[in-house]
Amino acid sequence: MNLNNQPTVNELARLFAAQKDTLNDHILWISEAGDVRIDPVTSCKEETRFEEERPQMRAHLKMYRRGQGYVGKKAAADSDYMARVLQTLTLTWQKAQTEPALVKVNSYS
């Protein structure tokens, strides 16, 4: 999913549905090209280390903790939640394109 191509809530929901909430923590992030990814994070890894391993990262949302229901099929089925996440991603991408530093988001827009 790319934020430059007017993504839909359904596209975002597919990204979330592909993850297993019970297996790992996850971080939702945006690349320099506007691509949105959601990657599992090993439980002992710090967000800073995750950032260092992805130099193409322009922005990310706070970590989704394992077992909290923020990713997976149930989260993807919540259309209001998906709409809030997409709105946050869109606004964050606008900000990330003008700021030189990595943009970190702790709450939804």
PDB file of N, CA and C in Angstrom:
ATOM      1  N   MET A   1       0.845  -1.169   0.000  1.00  0.00           N
ATOM      2  CA  MET A   1       0.000   0.000   0.000  1.00  0.00           C
ATOM      3  C   MET A   1       0.892   1.235   0.000  1.00  0.00           C
ATOM      4  N   ASN A   2       0.600   2.181  -0.890  1.00  0.00           N
ATOM      5  CA  ASN A   2       1.401   3.389  -0.991  1.00  0.00           C
ATOM      6  C   ASN A   2       0.518   4.614  -0.764  1.00  0.00           C
ATOM      7  N   LEU A   3       0.969   5.507   0.102  1.00  0.00           N
ATOM      8  CA  LEU A   3       0.188   6.690   0.458  1.00  0.00           C
ATOM      9  C   LEU A   3       0.106   7.717  -0.667  1.00  0.00           C
ATOM     10  N   ASN A   4       0.926   7.574  -1.690  1.00  0.00           N
ATOM     11  CA  ASN A   4       0.861   8.474  -2.838  1.00  0.00           C
ATOM     12  C   ASN A   4      -0.240   8.074  -3.816  1.00  0.00           C
ATOM     13  N   ASN A   5      -0.815   6.898  -3.628  1.00  0.00           N
ATOM     14  CA  ASN A   5      -1.803   6.359  -4.563  1.00  0.00           C
ATOM     15  C   ASN A   5      -3.211   6.327  -3.986  1.00  0.00           C
ATOM     16  N   GLN A   6      -3.533   7.243  -3.094  1.00  0.00           N
ATOM     17  CA  GLN A   6      -4.849   7.341  -2.464  1.00  0.00           C
ATOM     18  C   GLN A   6      -5.348   5.975  -1.979  1.00  0.00           C
ATOM     19  N   PRO A   7      -4.681   5.427  -0.985  1.00  0.00           N
ATOM     20  CA  PRO A   7      -5.055   4.095  -0.490  1.00  0.00           C
ATOM     21  C   PRO A   7      -6.436   4.089   0.161  1.00  0.00           C
ATOM     22  N   THR A   8      -7.003   2.909   0.228  1.00  0.00           N
ATOM     23  CA  THR A   8      -8.334   2.749   0.814  1.00  0.00           C
ATOM     24  C   THR A   8      -8.239   2.059   2.172  1.00  0.00           C
ATOM     25  N   VAL A   9      -9.321   2.147   2.913  1.00  0.00           N
ATOM     26  CA  VAL A   9      -9.415   1.457   4.198  1.00  0.00           C
ATOM     27  C   VAL A   9      -9.273  -0.052   3.979  1.00  0.00           C
ATOM     28  N   ASN A  10      -9.818  -0.567   2.883  1.00  0.00           N
ATOM     29  CA  ASN A  10      -9.719  -2.004   2.598  1.00  0.00           C
ATOM     30  C   ASN A  10      -8.278  -2.446   2.375  1.00  0.00           C
ATOM     31  N   GLU A  11      -7.481  -1.621   1.702  1.00  0.00           N
ATOM     32  CA  GLU A  11      -6.069  -1.955   1.506  1.00  0.00           C
ATOM     33  C   GLU A  11      -5.351  -2.035   2.853  1.00  0.00           C
ATOM     34  N   LEU A  12      -5.617  -1.059   3.705  1.00  0.00           N
ATOM     35  CA  LEU A  12      -5.000  -1.051   5.028  1.00  0.00           C
ATOM     36  C   LEU A  12      -5.460  -2.257   5.835  1.00  0.00           C
ATOM     37  N   ALA A  13      -6.731  -2.572   5.758  1.00  0.00           N
ATOM     38  CA  ALA A  13      -7.272  -3.723   6.488  1.00  0.00           C
ATOM     39  C   ALA A  13      -6.588  -5.020   6.059  1.00  0.00           C
ATOM     40  N   ARG A  14      -6.267  -5.142   4.783  1.00  0.00           N
ATOM     41  CA  ARG A  14      -5.560  -6.350   4.314  1.00  0.00           C
ATOM     42  C   ARG A  14      -4.171  -6.458   4.948  1.00  0.00           C
ATOM     43  N   LEU A  15      -3.489  -5.322   5.103  1.00  0.00           N
ATOM     44  CA  LEU A  15      -2.179  -5.335   5.770  1.00  0.00           C
ATOM     45  C   LEU A  15      -2.310  -5.821   7.212  1.00  0.00           C
ATOM     46  N   PHE A  16      -3.302  -5.301   7.910  1.00  0.00           N
ATOM     47  CA  PHE A  16      -3.515  -5.670   9.314  1.00  0.00           C
ATOM     48  C   PHE A  16      -3.950  -7.126   9.449  1.00  0.00           C
ATOM     49  N   ALA A  17      -4.814  -7.582   8.554  1.00  0.00           N
ATOM     50  CA  ALA A  17      -5.331  -8.952   8.623  1.00  0.00           C
ATOM     51  C   ALA A  17      -4.237  -9.988   8.397  1.00  0.00           C
ATOM     52  N   ALA A  18      -3.180  -9.616   7.698  1.00  0.00           N
ATOM     53  CA  ALA A  18      -2.092 -10.547   7.401  1.00  0.00           C
ATOM     54  C   ALA A  18      -1.183 -10.802   8.607  1.00  0.00           C
ATOM     55  N   GLN A  19      -1.364 -10.044   9.689  1.00  0.00           N
ATOM     56  CA  GLN A  19      -0.521 -10.185  10.877  1.00  0.00           C
ATOM     57  C   GLN A  19      -1.221 -11.018  11.947  1.00  0.00           C
ATOM     58  N   LYS A  20      -0.417 -11.627  12.815  1.00  0.00           N
ATOM     59  CA  LYS A  20      -0.942 -12.398  13.949  1.00  0.00           C
ATOM     60  C   LYS A  20      -0.666 -11.621  15.231  1.00  0.00           C
ATOM     61  N   ASP A  21      -1.719 -11.137  15.841  1.00  0.00           N
ATOM     62  CA  ASP A  21      -1.607 -10.319  17.050  1.00  0.00           C
ATOM     63  C   ASP A  21      -0.967 -11.072  18.211  1.00  0.00           C
ATOM     64  N   THR A  22      -1.188 -12.369  18.292  1.00  0.00           N
ATOM     65  CA  THR A  22      -0.722 -13.139  19.444  1.00  0.00           C
ATOM     66  C   THR A  22       0.746 -13.547  19.353  1.00  0.00           C
ATOM     67  N   LEU A  23       1.376 -13.382  18.198  1.00  0.00           N
ATOM     68  CA  LEU A  23       2.746 -13.865  18.030  1.00  0.00           C
ATOM     69  C   LEU A  23       3.828 -12.848  18.364  1.00  0.00           C
ATOM     70  N   ASN A  24       3.629 -11.588  17.981  1.00  0.00           N
ATOM     71  CA  ASN A  24       4.683 -10.585  18.130  1.00  0.00           C
ATOM     72  C   ASN A  24       4.099  -9.208  18.410  1.00  0.00           C
ATOM     73  N   ASP A  25       4.982  -8.298  18.855  1.00  0.00           N
ATOM     74  CA  ASP A  25       4.680  -6.879  18.805  1.00  0.00           C
ATOM     75  C   ASP A  25       4.811  -6.482  17.331  1.00  0.00           C
ATOM     76  N   HIS A  26       4.237  -5.338  16.947  1.00  0.00           N
ATOM     77  CA  HIS A  26       4.305  -4.881  15.560  1.00  0.00           C
ATOM     78  C   HIS A  26       4.520  -3.372  15.514  1.00  0.00           C
ATOM     79  N   ILE A  27       5.149  -2.912  14.432  1.00  0.00           N
ATOM     80  CA  ILE A  27       5.287  -1.480  14.181  1.00  0.00           C
ATOM     81  C   ILE A  27       4.791  -1.193  12.771  1.00  0.00           C
ATOM     82  N   LEU A  28       3.911  -0.200  12.679  1.00  0.00           N
ATOM     83  CA  LEU A  28       3.383   0.285  11.407  1.00  0.00           C
ATOM     84  C   LEU A  28       4.249   1.465  10.998  1.00  0.00           C
ATOM     85  N   TRP A  29       4.830   1.410   9.785  1.00  0.00           N
ATOM     86  CA  TRP A  29       5.748   2.463   9.382  1.00  0.00           C
ATOM     87  C   TRP A  29       5.592   2.830   7.915  1.00  0.00           C
ATOM     88  N   ILE A  30       6.159   3.995   7.564  1.00  0.00           N
ATOM     89  CA  ILE A  30       6.088   4.538   6.210  1.00  0.00           C
ATOM     90  C   ILE A  30       7.506   4.713   5.683  1.00  0.00           C
ATOM     91  N   SER A  31       7.745   4.222   4.465  1.00  0.00           N
ATOM     92  CA  SER A  31       9.066   4.352   3.845  1.00  0.00           C
ATOM     93  C   SER A  31       9.206   5.701   3.142  1.00  0.00           C
ATOM     94  N   GLU A  32      10.420   5.984   2.673  1.00  0.00           N
ATOM     95  CA  GLU A  32      10.689   7.220   1.933  1.00  0.00           C
ATOM     96  C   GLU A  32       9.813   7.349   0.693  1.00  0.00           C
ATOM     97  N   ALA A  33       9.415   6.222   0.113  1.00  0.00           N
ATOM     98  CA  ALA A  33       8.601   6.215  -1.107  1.00  0.00           C
ATOM     99  C   ALA A  33       7.104   6.302  -0.817  1.00  0.00           C
ATOM    100  N   GLY A  34       6.726   6.283   0.469  1.00  0.00           N
ATOM    101  CA  GLY A  34       5.317   6.342   0.834  1.00  0.00           C
ATOM    102  C   GLY A  34       4.676   4.983   1.033  1.00  0.00           C
ATOM    103  N   ASP A  35       5.480   3.928   0.954  1.00  0.00           N
ATOM    104  CA  ASP A  35       4.953   2.578   1.179  1.00  0.00           C
ATOM    105  C   ASP A  35       4.681   2.365   2.658  1.00  0.00           C
ATOM    106  N   VAL A  36       3.543   1.757   2.964  1.00  0.00           N
ATOM    107  CA  VAL A  36       3.161   1.462   4.341  1.00  0.00           C
ATOM    108  C   VAL A  36       3.455   0.000   4.613  1.00  0.00           C
ATOM    109  N   ARG A  37       4.114  -0.261   5.725  1.00  0.00           N
ATOM    110  CA  ARG A  37       4.449  -1.634   6.126  1.00  0.00           C
ATOM    111  C   ARG A  37       4.052  -1.830   7.576  1.00  0.00           C
ATOM    112  N   ILE A  38       3.780  -3.067   7.907  1.00  0.00           N
ATOM    113  CA  ILE A  38       3.596  -3.425   9.311  1.00  0.00           C
ATOM    114  C   ILE A  38       4.466  -4.649   9.542  1.00  0.00           C
ATOM    115  N   ASP A  39       5.463  -4.476  10.390  1.00  0.00           N
ATOM    116  CA  ASP A  39       6.440  -5.539  10.611  1.00  0.00           C
ATOM    117  C   ASP A  39       6.380  -6.059  12.036  1.00  0.00           C
ATOM    118  N   PRO A  40       6.533  -7.376  12.186  1.00  0.00           N
ATOM    119  CA  PRO A  40       6.632  -7.938  13.535  1.00  0.00           C
ATOM    120  C   PRO A  40       7.958  -7.543  14.166  1.00  0.00           C
ATOM    121  N   VAL A  41       7.942  -7.392  15.467  1.00  0.00           N
ATOM    122  CA  VAL A  41       9.135  -7.014  16.217  1.00  0.00           C
ATOM    123  C   VAL A  41       9.329  -8.051  17.312  1.00  0.00           C
ATOM    124  N   THR A  42      10.538  -8.575  17.433  1.00  0.00           N
ATOM    125  CA  THR A  42      10.788  -9.517  18.517  1.00  0.00           C
ATOM    126  C   THR A  42      10.607  -8.799  19.840  1.00  0.00           C
ATOM    127  N   SER A  43      10.111  -9.496  20.815  1.00  0.00           N
ATOM    128  CA  SER A  43       9.707  -8.871  22.077  1.00  0.00           C
ATOM    129  C   SER A  43      10.833  -8.136  22.794  1.00  0.00           C
ATOM    130  N   CYS A  44      12.064  -8.503  22.548  1.00  0.00           N
ATOM    131  CA  CYS A  44      13.160  -7.851  23.267  1.00  0.00           C
ATOM    132  C   CYS A  44      13.741  -6.661  22.496  1.00  0.00           C
ATOM    133  N   LYS A  45      13.274  -6.430  21.289  1.00  0.00           N
ATOM    134  CA  LYS A  45      13.854  -5.372  20.467  1.00  0.00           C
ATOM    135  C   LYS A  45      13.258  -4.009  20.817  1.00  0.00           C
ATOM    136  N   GLU A  46      14.107  -3.025  20.903  1.00  0.00           N
ATOM    137  CA  GLU A  46      13.690  -1.652  21.180  1.00  0.00           C
ATOM    138  C   GLU A  46      13.261  -0.975  19.875  1.00  0.00           C
ATOM    139  N   GLU A  47      12.382   0.033  19.985  1.00  0.00           N
ATOM    140  CA  GLU A  47      11.963   0.779  18.800  1.00  0.00           C
ATOM    141  C   GLU A  47      13.160   1.443  18.125  1.00  0.00           C
ATOM    142  N   THR A  48      14.119   1.927  18.907  1.00  0.00           N
ATOM    143  CA  THR A  48      15.290   2.592  18.348  1.00  0.00           C
ATOM    144  C   THR A  48      16.076   1.644  17.452  1.00  0.00           C
ATOM    145  N   ARG A  49      16.245   0.429  17.883  1.00  0.00           N
ATOM    146  CA  ARG A  49      16.969  -0.555  17.076  1.00  0.00           C
ATOM    147  C   ARG A  49      16.193  -0.857  15.800  1.00  0.00           C
ATOM    148  N   PHE A  50      14.875  -0.982  15.912  1.00  0.00           N
ATOM    149  CA  PHE A  50      14.012  -1.207  14.751  1.00  0.00           C
ATOM    150  C   PHE A  50      14.211  -0.078  13.736  1.00  0.00           C
ATOM    151  N   GLU A  51      14.258   1.159  14.221  1.00  0.00           N
ATOM    152  CA  GLU A  51      14.465   2.324  13.356  1.00  0.00           C
ATOM    153  C   GLU A  51      15.830   2.263  12.675  1.00  0.00           C
ATOM    154  N   GLU A  52      16.862   1.926  13.429  1.00  0.00           N
ATOM    155  CA  GLU A  52      18.219   1.868  12.884  1.00  0.00           C
ATOM    156  C   GLU A  52      18.340   0.836  11.773  1.00  0.00           C
ATOM    157  N   GLU A  53      17.589  -0.239  11.861  1.00  0.00           N
ATOM    158  CA  GLU A  53      17.641  -1.307  10.860  1.00  0.00           C
ATOM    159  C   GLU A  53      16.866  -0.957   9.592  1.00  0.00           C
ATOM    160  N   ARG A  54      16.165   0.159   9.595  1.00  0.00           N
ATOM    161  CA  ARG A  54      15.359   0.579   8.451  1.00  0.00           C
ATOM    162  C   ARG A  54      15.668   2.042   8.113  1.00  0.00           C
ATOM    163  N   PRO A  55      16.819   2.295   7.477  1.00  0.00           N
ATOM    164  CA  PRO A  55      17.195   3.680   7.176  1.00  0.00           C
ATOM    165  C   PRO A  55      16.231   4.370   6.206  1.00  0.00           C
ATOM    166  N   GLN A  56      15.428   3.597   5.478  1.00  0.00           N
ATOM    167  CA  GLN A  56      14.462   4.175   4.536  1.00  0.00           C
ATOM    168  C   GLN A  56      13.163   4.597   5.221  1.00  0.00           C
ATOM    169  N   MET A  57      13.070   4.400   6.534  1.00  0.00           N
ATOM    170  CA  MET A  57      11.867   4.757   7.287  1.00  0.00           C
ATOM    171  C   MET A  57      11.761   6.274   7.434  1.00  0.00           C
ATOM    172  N   ARG A  58      10.575   6.828   7.125  1.00  0.00           N
ATOM    173  CA  ARG A  58      10.323   8.264   7.302  1.00  0.00           C
ATOM    174  C   ARG A  58       9.444   8.545   8.508  1.00  0.00           C
ATOM    175  N   ALA A  59       8.605   7.562   8.877  1.00  0.00           N
ATOM    176  CA  ALA A  59       7.697   7.758  10.009  1.00  0.00           C
ATOM    177  C   ALA A  59       7.224   6.407  10.519  1.00  0.00           C
ATOM    178  N   HIS A  60       6.814   6.388  11.798  1.00  0.00           N
ATOM    179  CA  HIS A  60       6.185   5.177  12.327  1.00  0.00           C
ATOM    180  C   HIS A  60       5.239   5.529  13.460  1.00  0.00           C
ATOM    181  N   LEU A  61       4.258   4.661  13.642  1.00  0.00           N
ATOM    182  CA  LEU A  61       3.342   4.786  14.760  1.00  0.00           C
ATOM    183  C   LEU A  61       3.939   4.038  15.937  1.00  0.00           C
ATOM    184  N   LYS A  62       3.411   4.290  17.130  1.00  0.00           N
ATOM    185  CA  LYS A  62       3.940   3.599  18.303  1.00  0.00           C
ATOM    186  C   LYS A  62       3.741   2.089  18.144  1.00  0.00           C
ATOM    187  N   MET A  63       4.538   1.348  18.873  1.00  0.00           N
ATOM    188  CA  MET A  63       4.507  -0.105  18.769  1.00  0.00           C
ATOM    189  C   MET A  63       3.163  -0.667  19.232  1.00  0.00           C
ATOM    190  N   TYR A  64       2.639  -1.607  18.448  1.00  0.00           N
ATOM    191  CA  TYR A  64       1.444  -2.351  18.843  1.00  0.00           C
ATOM    192  C   TYR A  64       1.918  -3.555  19.650  1.00  0.00           C
ATOM    193  N   ARG A  65       1.544  -3.623  20.896  1.00  0.00           N
ATOM    194  CA  ARG A  65       1.982  -4.713  21.770  1.00  0.00           C
ATOM    195  C   ARG A  65       1.213  -5.999  21.496  1.00  0.00           C
ATOM    196  N   ARG A  66       1.911  -7.085  21.599  1.00  0.00           N
ATOM    197  CA  ARG A  66       1.357  -8.418  21.343  1.00  0.00           C
ATOM    198  C   ARG A  66       0.141  -8.684  22.229  1.00  0.00           C
ATOM    199  N   GLY A  67      -0.884  -9.270  21.614  1.00  0.00           N
ATOM    200  CA  GLY A  67      -2.053  -9.695  22.354  1.00  0.00           C
ATOM    201  C   GLY A  67      -3.043  -8.602  22.721  1.00  0.00           C
ATOM    202  N   GLN A  68      -2.835  -7.381  22.246  1.00  0.00           N
ATOM    203  CA  GLN A  68      -3.722  -6.266  22.599  1.00  0.00           C
ATOM    204  C   GLN A  68      -4.833  -6.028  21.573  1.00  0.00           C
ATOM    205  N   GLY A  69      -4.804  -6.756  20.465  1.00  0.00           N
ATOM    206  CA  GLY A  69      -5.861  -6.643  19.465  1.00  0.00           C
ATOM    207  C   GLY A  69      -5.694  -5.526  18.456  1.00  0.00           C
ATOM    208  N   TYR A  70      -4.505  -4.917  18.385  1.00  0.00           N
ATOM    209  CA  TYR A  70      -4.289  -3.808  17.461  1.00  0.00           C
ATOM    210  C   TYR A  70      -3.985  -4.247  16.035  1.00  0.00           C
ATOM    211  N   VAL A  71      -3.596  -5.500  15.847  1.00  0.00           N
ATOM    212  CA  VAL A  71      -3.368  -6.046  14.509  1.00  0.00           C
ATOM    213  C   VAL A  71      -4.086  -7.386  14.407  1.00  0.00           C
ATOM    214  N   GLY A  72      -4.151  -7.917  13.206  1.00  0.00           N
ATOM    215  CA  GLY A  72      -4.821  -9.196  12.992  1.00  0.00           C
ATOM    216  C   GLY A  72      -6.194  -9.019  12.367  1.00  0.00           C
ATOM    217  N   LYS A  73      -6.887 -10.126  12.206  1.00  0.00           N
ATOM    218  CA  LYS A  73      -8.177 -10.123  11.509  1.00  0.00           C
ATOM    219  C   LYS A  73      -9.254  -9.335  12.245  1.00  0.00           C
ATOM    220  N   LYS A  74      -9.283  -9.420  13.572  1.00  0.00           N
ATOM    221  CA  LYS A  74     -10.301  -8.667  14.323  1.00  0.00           C
ATOM    222  C   LYS A  74     -10.082  -7.162  14.185  1.00  0.00           C
ATOM    223  N   ALA A  75      -8.840  -6.731  14.283  1.00  0.00           N
ATOM    224  CA  ALA A  75      -8.543  -5.302  14.113  1.00  0.00           C
ATOM    225  C   ALA A  75      -8.906  -4.854  12.700  1.00  0.00           C
ATOM    226  N   ALA A  76      -8.585  -5.678  11.715  1.00  0.00           N
ATOM    227  CA  ALA A  76      -8.877  -5.344  10.321  1.00  0.00           C
ATOM    228  C   ALA A  76     -10.372  -5.229  10.061  1.00  0.00           C
ATOM    229  N   ALA A  77     -11.180  -5.959  10.810  1.00  0.00           N
ATOM    230  CA  ALA A  77     -12.637  -5.936  10.628  1.00  0.00           C
ATOM    231  C   ALA A  77     -13.291  -4.700  11.245  1.00  0.00           C
ATOM    232  N   ASP A  78     -12.562  -3.956  12.070  1.00  0.00           N
ATOM    233  CA  ASP A  78     -13.096  -2.752  12.715  1.00  0.00           C
ATOM    234  C   ASP A  78     -12.897  -1.563  11.768  1.00  0.00           C
ATOM    235  N   SER A  79     -13.921  -1.244  10.994  1.00  0.00           N
ATOM    236  CA  SER A  79     -13.783  -0.213   9.963  1.00  0.00           C
ATOM    237  C   SER A  79     -13.515   1.177  10.546  1.00  0.00           C
ATOM    238  N   ASP A  80     -14.062   1.490  11.717  1.00  0.00           N
ATOM    239  CA  ASP A  80     -13.787   2.788  12.348  1.00  0.00           C
ATOM    240  C   ASP A  80     -12.316   2.897  12.739  1.00  0.00           C
ATOM    241  N   TYR A  81     -11.790   1.834  13.321  1.00  0.00           N
ATOM    242  CA  TYR A  81     -10.376   1.797  13.708  1.00  0.00           C
ATOM    243  C   TYR A  81      -9.483   1.933  12.473  1.00  0.00           C
ATOM    244  N   MET A  82      -9.794   1.182  11.418  1.00  0.00           N
ATOM    245  CA  MET A  82      -8.997   1.248  10.191  1.00  0.00           C
ATOM    246  C   MET A  82      -9.053   2.652   9.591  1.00  0.00           C
ATOM    247  N   ALA A  83     -10.204   3.299   9.629  1.00  0.00           N
ATOM    248  CA  ALA A  83     -10.334   4.662   9.098  1.00  0.00           C
ATOM    249  C   ALA A  83      -9.478   5.644   9.896  1.00  0.00           C
ATOM    250  N   ARG A  84      -9.445   5.495  11.228  1.00  0.00           N
ATOM    251  CA  ARG A  84      -8.608   6.372  12.069  1.00  0.00           C
ATOM    252  C   ARG A  84      -7.127   6.152  11.773  1.00  0.00           C
ATOM    253  N   VAL A  85      -6.739   4.898  11.614  1.00  0.00           N
ATOM    254  CA  VAL A  85      -5.335   4.603  11.311  1.00  0.00           C
ATOM    255  C   VAL A  85      -4.965   5.190   9.950  1.00  0.00           C
ATOM    256  N   LEU A  86      -5.823   5.021   8.954  1.00  0.00           N
ATOM    257  CA  LEU A  86      -5.537   5.557   7.623  1.00  0.00           C
ATOM    258  C   LEU A  86      -5.445   7.080   7.654  1.00  0.00           C
ATOM    259  N   GLN A  87      -6.332   7.731   8.372  1.00  0.00           N
ATOM    260  CA  GLN A  87      -6.282   9.193   8.504  1.00  0.00           C
ATOM    261  C   GLN A  87      -4.961   9.620   9.153  1.00  0.00           C
ATOM    262  N   THR A  88      -4.560   8.911  10.191  1.00  0.00           N
ATOM    263  CA  THR A  88      -3.297   9.215  10.870  1.00  0.00           C
ATOM    264  C   THR A  88      -2.120   9.018   9.930  1.00  0.00           C
ATOM    265  N   LEU A  89      -2.120   7.929   9.177  1.00  0.00           N
ATOM    266  CA  LEU A  89      -1.042   7.674   8.217  1.00  0.00           C
ATOM    267  C   LEU A  89      -0.968   8.778   7.163  1.00  0.00           C
ATOM    268  N   THR A  90      -2.109   9.188   6.657  1.00  0.00           N
ATOM    269  CA  THR A  90      -2.149  10.223   5.623  1.00  0.00           C
ATOM    270  C   THR A  90      -1.583  11.540   6.147  1.00  0.00           C
ATOM    271  N   LEU A  91      -2.008  11.956   7.321  1.00  0.00           N
ATOM    272  CA  LEU A  91      -1.498  13.198   7.917  1.00  0.00           C
ATOM    273  C   LEU A  91      -0.013  13.082   8.261  1.00  0.00           C
ATOM    274  N   THR A  92       0.380  11.919   8.749  1.00  0.00           N
ATOM    275  CA  THR A  92       1.785  11.691   9.097  1.00  0.00           C
ATOM    276  C   THR A  92       2.660  11.739   7.852  1.00  0.00           C
ATOM    277  N   TRP A  93       2.181  11.174   6.751  1.00  0.00           N
ATOM    278  CA  TRP A  93       2.944  11.176   5.506  1.00  0.00           C
ATOM    279  C   TRP A  93       3.129  12.611   5.005  1.00  0.00           C
ATOM    280  N   GLN A  94       2.105  13.434   5.103  1.00  0.00           N
ATOM    281  CA  GLN A  94       2.230  14.841   4.704  1.00  0.00           C
ATOM    282  C   GLN A  94       3.317  15.530   5.525  1.00  0.00           C
ATOM    283  N   LYS A  95       3.330  15.277   6.809  1.00  0.00           N
ATOM    284  CA  LYS A  95       4.333  15.871   7.700  1.00  0.00           C
ATOM    285  C   LYS A  95       5.727  15.317   7.403  1.00  0.00           C
ATOM    286  N   ALA A  96       5.823  14.020   7.185  1.00  0.00           N
ATOM    287  CA  ALA A  96       7.117  13.362   6.968  1.00  0.00           C
ATOM    288  C   ALA A  96       7.803  13.842   5.695  1.00  0.00           C
ATOM    289  N   GLN A  97       7.030  14.275   4.725  1.00  0.00           N
ATOM    290  CA  GLN A  97       7.616  14.735   3.465  1.00  0.00           C
ATOM    291  C   GLN A  97       8.291  16.094   3.598  1.00  0.00           C
ATOM    292  N   THR A  98       7.964  16.831   4.651  1.00  0.00           N
ATOM    293  CA  THR A  98       8.546  18.163   4.822  1.00  0.00           C
ATOM    294  C   THR A  98       9.539  18.248   5.975  1.00  0.00           C
ATOM    295  N   GLU A  99       9.576  17.241   6.824  1.00  0.00           N
ATOM    296  CA  GLU A  99      10.484  17.266   7.969  1.00  0.00           C
ATOM    297  C   GLU A  99      11.699  16.384   7.705  1.00  0.00           C
ATOM    298  N   PRO A 100      12.887  16.873   8.065  1.00  0.00           N
ATOM    299  CA  PRO A 100      14.084  16.066   7.837  1.00  0.00           C
ATOM    300  C   PRO A 100      14.221  14.886   8.805  1.00  0.00           C
ATOM    301  N   ALA A 101      13.664  15.019   9.995  1.00  0.00           N
ATOM    302  CA  ALA A 101      13.817  13.969  11.010  1.00  0.00           C
ATOM    303  C   ALA A 101      12.706  12.929  10.890  1.00  0.00           C
ATOM    304  N   LEU A 102      12.973  11.762  11.445  1.00  0.00           N
ATOM    305  CA  LEU A 102      11.984  10.693  11.508  1.00  0.00           C
ATOM    306  C   LEU A 102      10.781  11.172  12.317  1.00  0.00           C
ATOM    307  N   VAL A 103       9.582  10.955  11.803  1.00  0.00           N
ATOM    308  CA  VAL A 103       8.352  11.360  12.485  1.00  0.00           C
ATOM    309  C   VAL A 103       7.831  10.169  13.279  1.00  0.00           C
ATOM    310  N   LYS A 104       7.623  10.382  14.580  1.00  0.00           N
ATOM    311  CA  LYS A 104       7.106   9.332  15.459  1.00  0.00           C
ATOM    312  C   LYS A 104       5.731   9.752  15.958  1.00  0.00           C
ATOM    313  N   VAL A 105       4.755   8.869  15.793  1.00  0.00           N
ATOM    314  CA  VAL A 105       3.374   9.176  16.149  1.00  0.00           C
ATOM    315  C   VAL A 105       2.958   8.317  17.333  1.00  0.00           C
ATOM    316  N   ASN A 106       2.443   8.961  18.374  1.00  0.00           N
ATOM    317  CA  ASN A 106       2.027   8.237  19.574  1.00  0.00           C
ATOM    318  C   ASN A 106       0.521   8.109  19.732  1.00  0.00           C
ATOM    319  N   SER A 107      -0.255   8.829  18.908  1.00  0.00           N
ATOM    320  CA  SER A 107      -1.715   8.734  19.007  1.00  0.00           C
ATOM    321  C   SER A 107      -2.330   8.937  17.630  1.00  0.00           C
ATOM    322  N   TYR A 108      -3.572   8.547  17.497  1.00  0.00           N
ATOM    323  CA  TYR A 108      -4.273   8.672  16.220  1.00  0.00           C
ATOM    324  C   TYR A 108      -4.852  10.058  16.053  1.00  0.00           C
ATOM    325  N   SER A 109      -4.960  10.481  14.800  1.00  0.00           N
ATOM    326  CA  SER A 109      -5.530  11.797  14.471  1.00  0.00           C
ATOM    327  C   SER A 109      -7.037  11.750  14.533  1.00  0.00           C
TER     328      SER A 109
END
